[in-house]
Amino acid sequence: MRFSSDFERQLNGYGLTTAHILYRIPDFESVLQTYVWQDYDVAPEFPQMRRFLDFWQANLDGPLHSVRFTHKSLIGPSEWRQLDGEFHVH
Protein backbone atom coordinates (compact mmCIF):
# COMPACT_ATOMS: atom_id res chain seq x y z
CA MET A 1 0.00 0.00 0.00
CA ARG A 2 1.41 3.40 -1.03
CA PHE A 3 0.50 6.54 0.95
CA SER A 4 0.05 9.90 -0.73
CA SER A 5 2.98 12.28 -0.66
CA ASP A 6 0.92 14.75 1.42
CA PHE A 7 0.42 12.08 4.09
CA GLU A 8 4.14 11.24 4.06
CA ARG A 9 5.00 14.92 4.45
CA GLN A 10 2.69 15.18 7.47
CA LEU A 11 4.40 12.18 9.04
CA ASN A 12 7.74 13.94 8.47
CA GLY A 13 6.68 17.02 10.46
CA TYR A 14 5.00 19.17 7.83
CA GLY A 15 1.82 21.02 8.77
CA LEU A 16 -0.74 22.97 6.79
CA THR A 17 0.28 26.63 6.42
CA THR A 18 -2.17 29.26 5.21
CA ALA A 19 -0.99 32.76 4.34
CA HIS A 20 -3.31 35.74 3.85
CA ILE A 21 -1.39 38.13 1.62
CA LEU A 22 -2.28 41.79 1.06
CA TYR A 23 -0.59 43.44 -1.91
CA ARG A 24 -0.87 46.71 -3.79
CA ILE A 25 -2.28 46.80 -7.31
CA PRO A 26 0.53 48.16 -9.55
CA ASP A 27 -1.54 50.81 -11.35
CA PHE A 28 -3.45 51.89 -8.21
CA GLU A 29 -0.98 51.85 -5.29
CA SER A 30 -3.64 52.95 -2.79
CA VAL A 31 -5.79 49.85 -3.49
CA LEU A 32 -5.03 46.63 -1.63
CA GLN A 33 -5.88 43.24 -3.07
CA THR A 34 -5.94 39.95 -1.17
CA TYR A 35 -4.51 36.53 -2.03
CA VAL A 36 -4.66 33.30 -0.01
CA TRP A 37 -1.80 30.80 -0.31
CA GLN A 38 -1.85 27.33 1.25
CA ASP A 39 0.68 24.49 1.27
CA TYR A 40 2.36 22.01 3.60
CA ASP A 41 5.34 23.58 5.35
CA VAL A 42 7.66 23.13 8.34
CA ALA A 43 7.53 25.54 11.29
CA PRO A 44 9.28 27.72 12.38
CA GLU A 45 11.45 28.25 9.26
CA PHE A 46 8.59 27.97 6.71
CA PRO A 47 10.83 27.30 3.67
CA GLN A 48 7.91 26.76 1.24
CA MET A 49 6.20 30.03 2.17
CA ARG A 50 9.49 31.95 2.07
CA ARG A 51 10.23 30.49 -1.38
CA PHE A 52 6.78 31.56 -2.60
CA LEU A 53 7.15 35.10 -1.19
CA ASP A 54 10.65 35.41 -2.71
CA PHE A 55 9.20 34.34 -6.07
CA TRP A 56 6.40 36.90 -5.67
CA GLN A 57 8.80 39.75 -4.95
CA ALA A 58 11.14 38.79 -7.81
CA ASN A 59 8.55 38.09 -10.53
CA LEU A 60 5.21 39.79 -9.82
CA ASP A 61 4.38 43.47 -10.14
CA GLY A 62 2.13 43.85 -7.09
CA PRO A 63 4.30 44.89 -4.12
CA LEU A 64 3.54 43.10 -0.85
CA HIS A 65 1.83 45.09 1.87
CA SER A 66 1.52 42.46 4.60
CA VAL A 67 1.40 38.70 5.21
CA ARG A 68 -0.51 36.98 8.02
CA PHE A 69 -0.21 33.23 8.37
CA THR A 70 -1.34 30.29 10.47
CA HIS A 71 0.18 26.85 10.80
CA LYS A 72 -1.39 23.62 12.03
CA SER A 73 0.25 20.22 12.35
CA LEU A 74 -2.45 17.83 11.24
CA ILE A 75 -0.88 14.65 12.55
CA GLY A 76 0.86 14.62 15.89
CA PRO A 77 2.88 11.86 17.53
CA SER A 78 0.06 11.03 19.93
CA GLU A 79 -2.42 10.62 17.07
CA TRP A 80 -0.51 8.15 14.92
CA ARG A 81 1.48 5.05 15.60
CA GLN A 82 2.77 2.27 13.43
CA LEU A 83 1.33 -1.20 13.98
CA ASP A 84 3.35 -4.35 13.50
CA GLY A 85 0.42 -6.77 13.37
CA GLU A 86 -2.72 -7.41 11.39
CA PHE A 87 -6.05 -8.96 12.38
CA HIS A 88 -8.20 -10.90 9.91
CA VAL A 89 -11.90 -11.23 10.57
CA HIS A 90 -13.71 -14.14 8.89
PDB file of N, CA and C in Angstrom:
ATOM      1  N   MET A   1       0.847  -1.182   0.000  1.00  0.00           N
ATOM      2  CA  MET A   1       0.000   0.000   0.000  1.00  0.00           C
ATOM      3  C   MET A   1       0.893   1.247   0.000  1.00  0.00           C
ATOM      4  N   ARG A   2       0.618   2.166  -0.895  1.00  0.00           N
ATOM      5  CA  ARG A   2       1.408   3.395  -1.032  1.00  0.00           C
ATOM      6  C   ARG A   2       0.597   4.578  -0.528  1.00  0.00           C
ATOM      7  N   PHE A   3       1.169   5.351   0.427  1.00  0.00           N
ATOM      8  CA  PHE A   3       0.500   6.540   0.948  1.00  0.00           C
ATOM      9  C   PHE A   3       0.741   7.716   0.013  1.00  0.00           C
ATOM     10  N   SER A   4      -0.142   8.692   0.076  1.00  0.00           N
ATOM     11  CA  SER A   4       0.048   9.896  -0.728  1.00  0.00           C
ATOM     12  C   SER A   4       1.240  10.682  -0.203  1.00  0.00           C
ATOM     13  N   SER A   5       1.823  11.487  -1.071  1.00  0.00           N
ATOM     14  CA  SER A   5       2.980  12.278  -0.661  1.00  0.00           C
ATOM     15  C   SER A   5       2.594  13.302   0.413  1.00  0.00           C
ATOM     16  N   ASP A   6       1.359  13.818   0.383  1.00  0.00           N
ATOM     17  CA  ASP A   6       0.919  14.748   1.424  1.00  0.00           C
ATOM     18  C   ASP A   6       0.911  14.071   2.787  1.00  0.00           C
ATOM     19  N   PHE A   7       0.444  12.834   2.832  1.00  0.00           N
ATOM     20  CA  PHE A   7       0.419  12.085   4.090  1.00  0.00           C
ATOM     21  C   PHE A   7       1.842  11.840   4.584  1.00  0.00           C
ATOM     22  N   GLU A   8       2.744  11.461   3.684  1.00  0.00           N
ATOM     23  CA  GLU A   8       4.136  11.242   4.059  1.00  0.00           C
ATOM     24  C   GLU A   8       4.758  12.518   4.606  1.00  0.00           C
ATOM     25  N   ARG A   9       4.459  13.644   3.980  1.00  0.00           N
ATOM     26  CA  ARG A   9       5.003  14.921   4.451  1.00  0.00           C
ATOM     27  C   ARG A   9       4.506  15.225   5.862  1.00  0.00           C
ATOM     28  N   GLN A  10       3.226  14.939   6.129  1.00  0.00           N
ATOM     29  CA  GLN A  10       2.687  15.182   7.466  1.00  0.00           C
ATOM     30  C   GLN A  10       3.390  14.301   8.493  1.00  0.00           C
ATOM     31  N   LEU A  11       3.684  13.062   8.129  1.00  0.00           N
ATOM     32  CA  LEU A  11       4.402  12.178   9.045  1.00  0.00           C
ATOM     33  C   LEU A  11       5.828  12.656   9.285  1.00  0.00           C
ATOM     34  N   ASN A  12       6.379  13.411   8.342  1.00  0.00           N
ATOM     35  CA  ASN A  12       7.736  13.945   8.474  1.00  0.00           C
ATOM     36  C   ASN A  12       7.773  15.333   9.107  1.00  0.00           C
ATOM     37  N   GLY A  13       6.677  15.766   9.707  1.00  0.00           N
ATOM     38  CA  GLY A  13       6.683  17.019  10.462  1.00  0.00           C
ATOM     39  C   GLY A  13       6.085  18.215   9.762  1.00  0.00           C
ATOM     40  N   TYR A  14       5.614  18.049   8.541  1.00  0.00           N
ATOM     41  CA  TYR A  14       4.995  19.165   7.832  1.00  0.00           C
ATOM     42  C   TYR A  14       3.587  19.400   8.372  1.00  0.00           C
ATOM     43  N   GLY A  15       3.170  20.648   8.381  1.00  0.00           N
ATOM     44  CA  GLY A  15       1.816  21.021   8.766  1.00  0.00           C
ATOM     45  C   GLY A  15       1.235  21.926   7.702  1.00  0.00           C
ATOM     46  N   LEU A  16      -0.060  22.135   7.780  1.00  0.00           N
ATOM     47  CA  LEU A  16      -0.739  22.973   6.794  1.00  0.00           C
ATOM     48  C   LEU A  16      -0.542  24.442   7.159  1.00  0.00           C
ATOM     49  N   THR A  17       0.029  25.204   6.229  1.00  0.00           N
ATOM     50  CA  THR A  17       0.278  26.630   6.420  1.00  0.00           C
ATOM     51  C   THR A  17      -0.611  27.411   5.467  1.00  0.00           C
ATOM     52  N   THR A  18      -1.319  28.388   6.008  1.00  0.00           N
ATOM     53  CA  THR A  18      -2.172  29.255   5.205  1.00  0.00           C
ATOM     54  C   THR A  18      -1.706  30.686   5.404  1.00  0.00           C
ATOM     55  N   ALA A  19      -1.442  31.371   4.286  1.00  0.00           N
ATOM     56  CA  ALA A  19      -0.992  32.762   4.340  1.00  0.00           C
ATOM     57  C   ALA A  19      -2.034  33.660   3.688  1.00  0.00           C
ATOM     58  N   HIS A  20      -2.404  34.716   4.381  1.00  0.00           N
ATOM     59  CA  HIS A  20      -3.307  35.741   3.854  1.00  0.00           C
ATOM     60  C   HIS A  20      -2.425  36.916   3.462  1.00  0.00           C
ATOM     61  N   ILE A  21      -2.318  37.148   2.155  1.00  0.00           N
ATOM     62  CA  ILE A  21      -1.386  38.134   1.623  1.00  0.00           C
ATOM     63  C   ILE A  21      -2.154  39.355   1.129  1.00  0.00           C
ATOM     64  N   LEU A  22      -1.754  40.530   1.590  1.00  0.00           N
ATOM     65  CA  LEU A  22      -2.278  41.785   1.055  1.00  0.00           C
ATOM     66  C   LEU A  22      -1.188  42.407   0.195  1.00  0.00           C
ATOM     67  N   TYR A  23      -1.558  42.818  -1.014  1.00  0.00           N
ATOM     68  CA  TYR A  23      -0.591  43.438  -1.911  1.00  0.00           C
ATOM     69  C   TYR A  23      -1.236  44.616  -2.623  1.00  0.00           C
ATOM     70  N   ARG A  24      -0.395  45.512  -3.103  1.00  0.00           N
ATOM     71  CA  ARG A  24      -0.874  46.713  -3.792  1.00  0.00           C
ATOM     72  C   ARG A  24      -1.009  46.431  -5.284  1.00  0.00           C
ATOM     73  N   ILE A  25      -2.098  46.921  -5.870  1.00  0.00           N
ATOM     74  CA  ILE A  25      -2.284  46.802  -7.311  1.00  0.00           C
ATOM     75  C   ILE A  25      -1.314  47.776  -7.977  1.00  0.00           C
ATOM     76  N   PRO A  26      -0.527  47.317  -8.969  1.00  0.00           N
ATOM     77  CA  PRO A  26       0.533  48.163  -9.546  1.00  0.00           C
ATOM     78  C   PRO A  26       0.046  49.513 -10.085  1.00  0.00           C
ATOM     79  N   ASP A  27      -1.075  49.544 -10.758  1.00  0.00           N
ATOM     80  CA  ASP A  27      -1.544  50.806 -11.346  1.00  0.00           C
ATOM     81  C   ASP A  27      -2.283  51.701 -10.356  1.00  0.00           C
ATOM     82  N   PHE A  28      -2.701  51.132  -9.226  1.00  0.00           N
ATOM     83  CA  PHE A  28      -3.446  51.887  -8.208  1.00  0.00           C
ATOM     84  C   PHE A  28      -2.847  51.554  -6.848  1.00  0.00           C
ATOM     85  N   GLU A  29      -1.743  52.178  -6.497  1.00  0.00           N
ATOM     86  CA  GLU A  29      -0.985  51.852  -5.291  1.00  0.00           C
ATOM     87  C   GLU A  29      -1.785  51.984  -3.989  1.00  0.00           C
ATOM     88  N   SER A  30      -2.856  52.771  -4.004  1.00  0.00           N
ATOM     89  CA  SER A  30      -3.637  52.946  -2.785  1.00  0.00           C
ATOM     90  C   SER A  30      -4.667  51.823  -2.590  1.00  0.00           C
ATOM     91  N   VAL A  31      -4.807  50.947  -3.565  1.00  0.00           N
ATOM     92  CA  VAL A  31      -5.786  49.851  -3.492  1.00  0.00           C
ATOM     93  C   VAL A  31      -5.063  48.569  -3.094  1.00  0.00           C
ATOM     94  N   LEU A  32      -5.601  47.903  -2.072  1.00  0.00           N
ATOM     95  CA  LEU A  32      -5.034  46.626  -1.631  1.00  0.00           C
ATOM     96  C   LEU A  32      -5.892  45.484  -2.164  1.00  0.00           C
ATOM     97  N   GLN A  33      -5.229  44.454  -2.601  1.00  0.00           N
ATOM     98  CA  GLN A  33      -5.883  43.237  -3.075  1.00  0.00           C
ATOM     99  C   GLN A  33      -5.460  42.109  -2.156  1.00  0.00           C
ATOM    100  N   THR A  34      -6.260  41.054  -2.066  1.00  0.00           N
ATOM    101  CA  THR A  34      -5.941  39.946  -1.174  1.00  0.00           C
ATOM    102  C   THR A  34      -5.690  38.673  -1.967  1.00  0.00           C
ATOM    103  N   TYR A  35      -4.823  37.820  -1.426  1.00  0.00           N
ATOM    104  CA  TYR A  35      -4.511  36.533  -2.033  1.00  0.00           C
ATOM    105  C   TYR A  35      -4.302  35.543  -0.890  1.00  0.00           C
ATOM    106  N   VAL A  36      -4.832  34.334  -1.024  1.00  0.00           N
ATOM    107  CA  VAL A  36      -4.658  33.297  -0.006  1.00  0.00           C
ATOM    108  C   VAL A  36      -3.806  32.184  -0.593  1.00  0.00           C
ATOM    109  N   TRP A  37      -2.724  31.862   0.099  1.00  0.00           N
ATOM    110  CA  TRP A  37      -1.804  30.802  -0.309  1.00  0.00           C
ATOM    111  C   TRP A  37      -1.844  29.711   0.744  1.00  0.00           C
ATOM    112  N   GLN A  38      -1.810  28.433   0.305  1.00  0.00           N
ATOM    113  CA  GLN A  38      -1.848  27.328   1.254  1.00  0.00           C
ATOM    114  C   GLN A  38      -0.983  26.188   0.735  1.00  0.00           C
ATOM    115  N   ASP A  39      -0.173  25.623   1.631  1.00  0.00           N
ATOM    116  CA  ASP A  39       0.680  24.494   1.272  1.00  0.00           C
ATOM    117  C   ASP A  39       1.166  23.843   2.566  1.00  0.00           C
ATOM    118  N   TYR A  40       1.744  22.651   2.452  1.00  0.00           N
ATOM    119  CA  TYR A  40       2.357  22.008   3.605  1.00  0.00           C
ATOM    120  C   TYR A  40       3.746  22.610   3.798  1.00  0.00           C
ATOM    121  N   ASP A  41       4.084  22.918   5.055  1.00  0.00           N
ATOM    122  CA  ASP A  41       5.340  23.579   5.350  1.00  0.00           C
ATOM    123  C   ASP A  41       5.816  23.170   6.741  1.00  0.00           C
ATOM    124  N   VAL A  42       7.063  23.490   7.059  1.00  0.00           N
ATOM    125  CA  VAL A  42       7.665  23.129   8.341  1.00  0.00           C
ATOM    126  C   VAL A  42       7.894  24.390   9.170  1.00  0.00           C
ATOM    127  N   ALA A  43       7.324  24.412  10.374  1.00  0.00           N
ATOM    128  CA  ALA A  43       7.532  25.537  11.287  1.00  0.00           C
ATOM    129  C   ALA A  43       8.828  25.305  12.045  1.00  0.00           C
ATOM    130  N   PRO A  44       9.546  26.298  12.472  1.00  0.00           N
ATOM    131  CA  PRO A  44       9.284  27.724  12.376  1.00  0.00           C
ATOM    132  C   PRO A  44       9.975  28.393  11.187  1.00  0.00           C
ATOM    133  N   GLU A  45      10.716  27.635  10.374  1.00  0.00           N
ATOM    134  CA  GLU A  45      11.455  28.248   9.260  1.00  0.00           C
ATOM    135  C   GLU A  45      10.551  28.595   8.072  1.00  0.00           C
ATOM    136  N   PHE A  46       9.530  27.782   7.814  1.00  0.00           N
ATOM    137  CA  PHE A  46       8.588  27.970   6.708  1.00  0.00           C
ATOM    138  C   PHE A  46       9.301  28.151   5.359  1.00  0.00           C
ATOM    139  N   PRO A  47      10.090  27.155   4.928  1.00  0.00           N
ATOM    140  CA  PRO A  47      10.831  27.304   3.669  1.00  0.00           C
ATOM    141  C   PRO A  47       9.923  27.400   2.435  1.00  0.00           C
ATOM    142  N   GLN A  48       8.803  26.696   2.404  1.00  0.00           N
ATOM    143  CA  GLN A  48       7.906  26.761   1.240  1.00  0.00           C
ATOM    144  C   GLN A  48       7.299  28.155   1.106  1.00  0.00           C
ATOM    145  N   MET A  49       6.808  28.701   2.213  1.00  0.00           N
ATOM    146  CA  MET A  49       6.202  30.026   2.170  1.00  0.00           C
ATOM    147  C   MET A  49       7.241  31.089   1.817  1.00  0.00           C
ATOM    148  N   ARG A  50       8.430  30.985   2.390  1.00  0.00           N
ATOM    149  CA  ARG A  50       9.493  31.949   2.068  1.00  0.00           C
ATOM    150  C   ARG A  50       9.871  31.875   0.585  1.00  0.00           C
ATOM    151  N   ARG A  51       9.917  30.659   0.038  1.00  0.00           N
ATOM    152  CA  ARG A  51      10.228  30.490  -1.380  1.00  0.00           C
ATOM    153  C   ARG A  51       9.152  31.137  -2.240  1.00  0.00           C
ATOM    154  N   PHE A  52       7.874  30.947  -1.853  1.00  0.00           N
ATOM    155  CA  PHE A  52       6.775  31.557  -2.598  1.00  0.00           C
ATOM    156  C   PHE A  52       6.834  33.084  -2.525  1.00  0.00           C
ATOM    157  N   LEU A  53       7.078  33.645  -1.340  1.00  0.00           N
ATOM    158  CA  LEU A  53       7.148  35.103  -1.187  1.00  0.00           C
ATOM    159  C   LEU A  53       8.354  35.688  -1.922  1.00  0.00           C
ATOM    160  N   ASP A  54       9.477  34.955  -1.930  1.00  0.00           N
ATOM    161  CA  ASP A  54      10.647  35.406  -2.709  1.00  0.00           C
ATOM    162  C   ASP A  54      10.316  35.424  -4.194  1.00  0.00           C
ATOM    163  N   PHE A  55       9.613  34.379  -4.663  1.00  0.00           N
ATOM    164  CA  PHE A  55       9.195  34.340  -6.065  1.00  0.00           C
ATOM    165  C   PHE A  55       8.279  35.524  -6.380  1.00  0.00           C
ATOM    166  N   TRP A  56       7.335  35.792  -5.476  1.00  0.00           N
ATOM    167  CA  TRP A  56       6.400  36.903  -5.669  1.00  0.00           C
ATOM    168  C   TRP A  56       7.169  38.219  -5.850  1.00  0.00           C
ATOM    169  N   GLN A  57       8.072  38.482  -4.917  1.00  0.00           N
ATOM    170  CA  GLN A  57       8.804  39.753  -4.954  1.00  0.00           C
ATOM    171  C   GLN A  57       9.709  39.870  -6.183  1.00  0.00           C
ATOM    172  N   ALA A  58      10.232  38.755  -6.663  1.00  0.00           N
ATOM    173  CA  ALA A  58      11.137  38.793  -7.809  1.00  0.00           C
ATOM    174  C   ALA A  58      10.408  38.845  -9.151  1.00  0.00           C
ATOM    175  N   ASN A  59       9.186  38.278  -9.229  1.00  0.00           N
ATOM    176  CA  ASN A  59       8.548  38.088 -10.532  1.00  0.00           C
ATOM    177  C   ASN A  59       7.202  38.772 -10.730  1.00  0.00           C
ATOM    178  N   LEU A  60       6.543  39.190  -9.670  1.00  0.00           N
ATOM    179  CA  LEU A  60       5.212  39.787  -9.816  1.00  0.00           C
ATOM    180  C   LEU A  60       5.264  41.288  -9.568  1.00  0.00           C
ATOM    181  N   ASP A  61       4.372  42.006 -10.216  1.00  0.00           N
ATOM    182  CA  ASP A  61       4.383  43.471 -10.140  1.00  0.00           C
ATOM    183  C   ASP A  61       3.750  44.030  -8.875  1.00  0.00           C
ATOM    184  N   GLY A  62       2.818  43.328  -8.263  1.00  0.00           N
ATOM    185  CA  GLY A  62       2.127  43.847  -7.090  1.00  0.00           C
ATOM    186  C   GLY A  62       2.988  43.771  -5.848  1.00  0.00           C
ATOM    187  N   PRO A  63       3.461  44.928  -5.326  1.00  0.00           N
ATOM    188  CA  PRO A  63       4.300  44.895  -4.120  1.00  0.00           C
ATOM    189  C   PRO A  63       3.520  44.424  -2.896  1.00  0.00           C
ATOM    190  N   LEU A  64       4.177  43.625  -2.068  1.00  0.00           N
ATOM    191  CA  LEU A  64       3.543  43.099  -0.851  1.00  0.00           C
ATOM    192  C   LEU A  64       3.308  44.217   0.156  1.00  0.00           C
ATOM    193  N   HIS A  65       2.143  44.165   0.784  1.00  0.00           N
ATOM    194  CA  HIS A  65       1.827  45.092   1.867  1.00  0.00           C
ATOM    195  C   HIS A  65       2.018  44.387   3.205  1.00  0.00           C
ATOM    196  N   SER A  66       1.399  43.204   3.351  1.00  0.00           N
ATOM    197  CA  SER A  66       1.517  42.457   4.602  1.00  0.00           C
ATOM    198  C   SER A  66       1.175  40.987   4.358  1.00  0.00           C
ATOM    199  N   VAL A  67       1.668  40.139   5.268  1.00  0.00           N
ATOM    200  CA  VAL A  67       1.399  38.703   5.210  1.00  0.00           C
ATOM    201  C   VAL A  67       1.050  38.245   6.618  1.00  0.00           C
ATOM    202  N   ARG A  68      -0.112  37.629   6.764  1.00  0.00           N
ATOM    203  CA  ARG A  68      -0.512  36.983   8.020  1.00  0.00           C
ATOM    204  C   ARG A  68      -0.610  35.496   7.725  1.00  0.00           C
ATOM    205  N   PHE A  69      -0.150  34.657   8.644  1.00  0.00           N
ATOM    206  CA  PHE A  69      -0.210  33.229   8.373  1.00  0.00           C
ATOM    207  C   PHE A  69      -0.544  32.442   9.629  1.00  0.00           C
ATOM    208  N   THR A  70      -1.067  31.248   9.399  1.00  0.00           N
ATOM    209  CA  THR A  70      -1.340  30.292  10.466  1.00  0.00           C
ATOM    210  C   THR A  70      -0.712  28.969  10.060  1.00  0.00           C
ATOM    211  N   HIS A  71      -0.439  28.144  11.058  1.00  0.00           N
ATOM    212  CA  HIS A  71       0.184  26.849  10.798  1.00  0.00           C
ATOM    213  C   HIS A  71      -0.435  25.832  11.745  1.00  0.00           C
ATOM    214  N   LYS A  72      -0.789  24.675  11.209  1.00  0.00           N
ATOM    215  CA  LYS A  72      -1.386  23.622  12.029  1.00  0.00           C
ATOM    216  C   LYS A  72      -0.797  22.286  11.632  1.00  0.00           C
ATOM    217  N   SER A  73      -0.198  21.595  12.593  1.00  0.00           N
ATOM    218  CA  SER A  73       0.253  20.217  12.352  1.00  0.00           C
ATOM    219  C   SER A  73      -0.975  19.325  12.399  1.00  0.00           C
ATOM    220  N   LEU A  74      -1.226  18.624  11.321  1.00  0.00           N
ATOM    221  CA  LEU A  74      -2.448  17.834  11.236  1.00  0.00           C
ATOM    222  C   LEU A  74      -2.319  16.473  11.888  1.00  0.00           C
ATOM    223  N   ILE A  75      -1.110  15.943  11.918  1.00  0.00           N
ATOM    224  CA  ILE A  75      -0.877  14.648  12.552  1.00  0.00           C
ATOM    225  C   ILE A  75       0.210  14.839  13.592  1.00  0.00           C
ATOM    226  N   GLY A  76      -0.114  14.521  14.817  1.00  0.00           N
ATOM    227  CA  GLY A  76       0.864  14.623  15.889  1.00  0.00           C
ATOM    228  C   GLY A  76       1.312  13.245  16.340  1.00  0.00           C
ATOM    229  N   PRO A  77       2.382  13.158  17.108  1.00  0.00           N
ATOM    230  CA  PRO A  77       2.884  11.861  17.534  1.00  0.00           C
ATOM    231  C   PRO A  77       1.895  11.072  18.372  1.00  0.00           C
ATOM    232  N   SER A  78       1.022  11.751  19.110  1.00  0.00           N
ATOM    233  CA  SER A  78       0.056  11.026  19.929  1.00  0.00           C
ATOM    234  C   SER A  78      -1.147  10.549  19.126  1.00  0.00           C
ATOM    235  N   GLU A  79      -1.269  10.989  17.893  1.00  0.00           N
ATOM    236  CA  GLU A  79      -2.422  10.624  17.072  1.00  0.00           C
ATOM    237  C   GLU A  79      -2.121   9.489  16.095  1.00  0.00           C
ATOM    238  N   TRP A  80      -0.862   9.155  15.905  1.00  0.00           N
ATOM    239  CA  TRP A  80      -0.505   8.149  14.918  1.00  0.00           C
ATOM    240  C   TRP A  80       0.572   7.263  15.489  1.00  0.00           C
ATOM    241  N   ARG A  81       0.425   5.980  15.229  1.00  0.00           N
ATOM    242  CA  ARG A  81       1.483   5.053  15.601  1.00  0.00           C
ATOM    243  C   ARG A  81       1.477   3.896  14.612  1.00  0.00           C
ATOM    244  N   GLN A  82       2.636   3.353  14.374  1.00  0.00           N
ATOM    245  CA  GLN A  82       2.774   2.266  13.426  1.00  0.00           C
ATOM    246  C   GLN A  82       2.442   0.953  14.123  1.00  0.00           C
ATOM    247  N   LEU A  83       1.675   0.112  13.445  1.00  0.00           N
ATOM    248  CA  LEU A  83       1.328  -1.195  13.983  1.00  0.00           C
ATOM    249  C   LEU A  83       2.156  -2.262  13.296  1.00  0.00           C
ATOM    250  N   ASP A  84       2.537  -3.279  14.067  1.00  0.00           N
ATOM    251  CA  ASP A  84       3.352  -4.349  13.503  1.00  0.00           C
ATOM    252  C   ASP A  84       2.528  -5.612  13.267  1.00  0.00           C
ATOM    253  N   GLY A  85       1.241  -5.587  13.530  1.00  0.00           N
ATOM    254  CA  GLY A  85       0.417  -6.771  13.366  1.00  0.00           C
ATOM    255  C   GLY A  85      -0.800  -6.492  12.513  1.00  0.00           C
ATOM    256  N   GLU A  86      -1.516  -7.550  12.210  1.00  0.00           N
ATOM    257  CA  GLU A  86      -2.722  -7.409  11.386  1.00  0.00           C
ATOM    258  C   GLU A  86      -3.718  -8.444  11.867  1.00  0.00           C
ATOM    259  N   PHE A  87      -4.987  -8.051  11.983  1.00  0.00           N
ATOM    260  CA  PHE A  87      -6.054  -8.964  12.376  1.00  0.00           C
ATOM    261  C   PHE A  87      -6.939  -9.246  11.172  1.00  0.00           C
ATOM    262  N   HIS A  88      -7.266 -10.522  10.979  1.00  0.00           N
ATOM    263  CA  HIS A  88      -8.198 -10.897   9.906  1.00  0.00           C
ATOM    264  C   HIS A  88      -9.498 -11.350  10.545  1.00  0.00           C
ATOM    265  N   VAL A  89     -10.599 -10.848  10.063  1.00  0.00           N
ATOM    266  CA  VAL A  89     -11.898 -11.229  10.566  1.00  0.00           C
ATOM    267  C   VAL A  89     -12.588 -12.042   9.466  1.00  0.00           C
ATOM    268  N   HIS A  90     -13.057 -13.187   9.802  1.00  0.00           N
ATOM    269  CA  HIS A  90     -13.708 -14.145   8.894  1.00  0.00           C
ATOM    270  C   HIS A  90     -12.704 -14.742   7.995  1.00  0.00           C
TER     271      HIS A  90
END
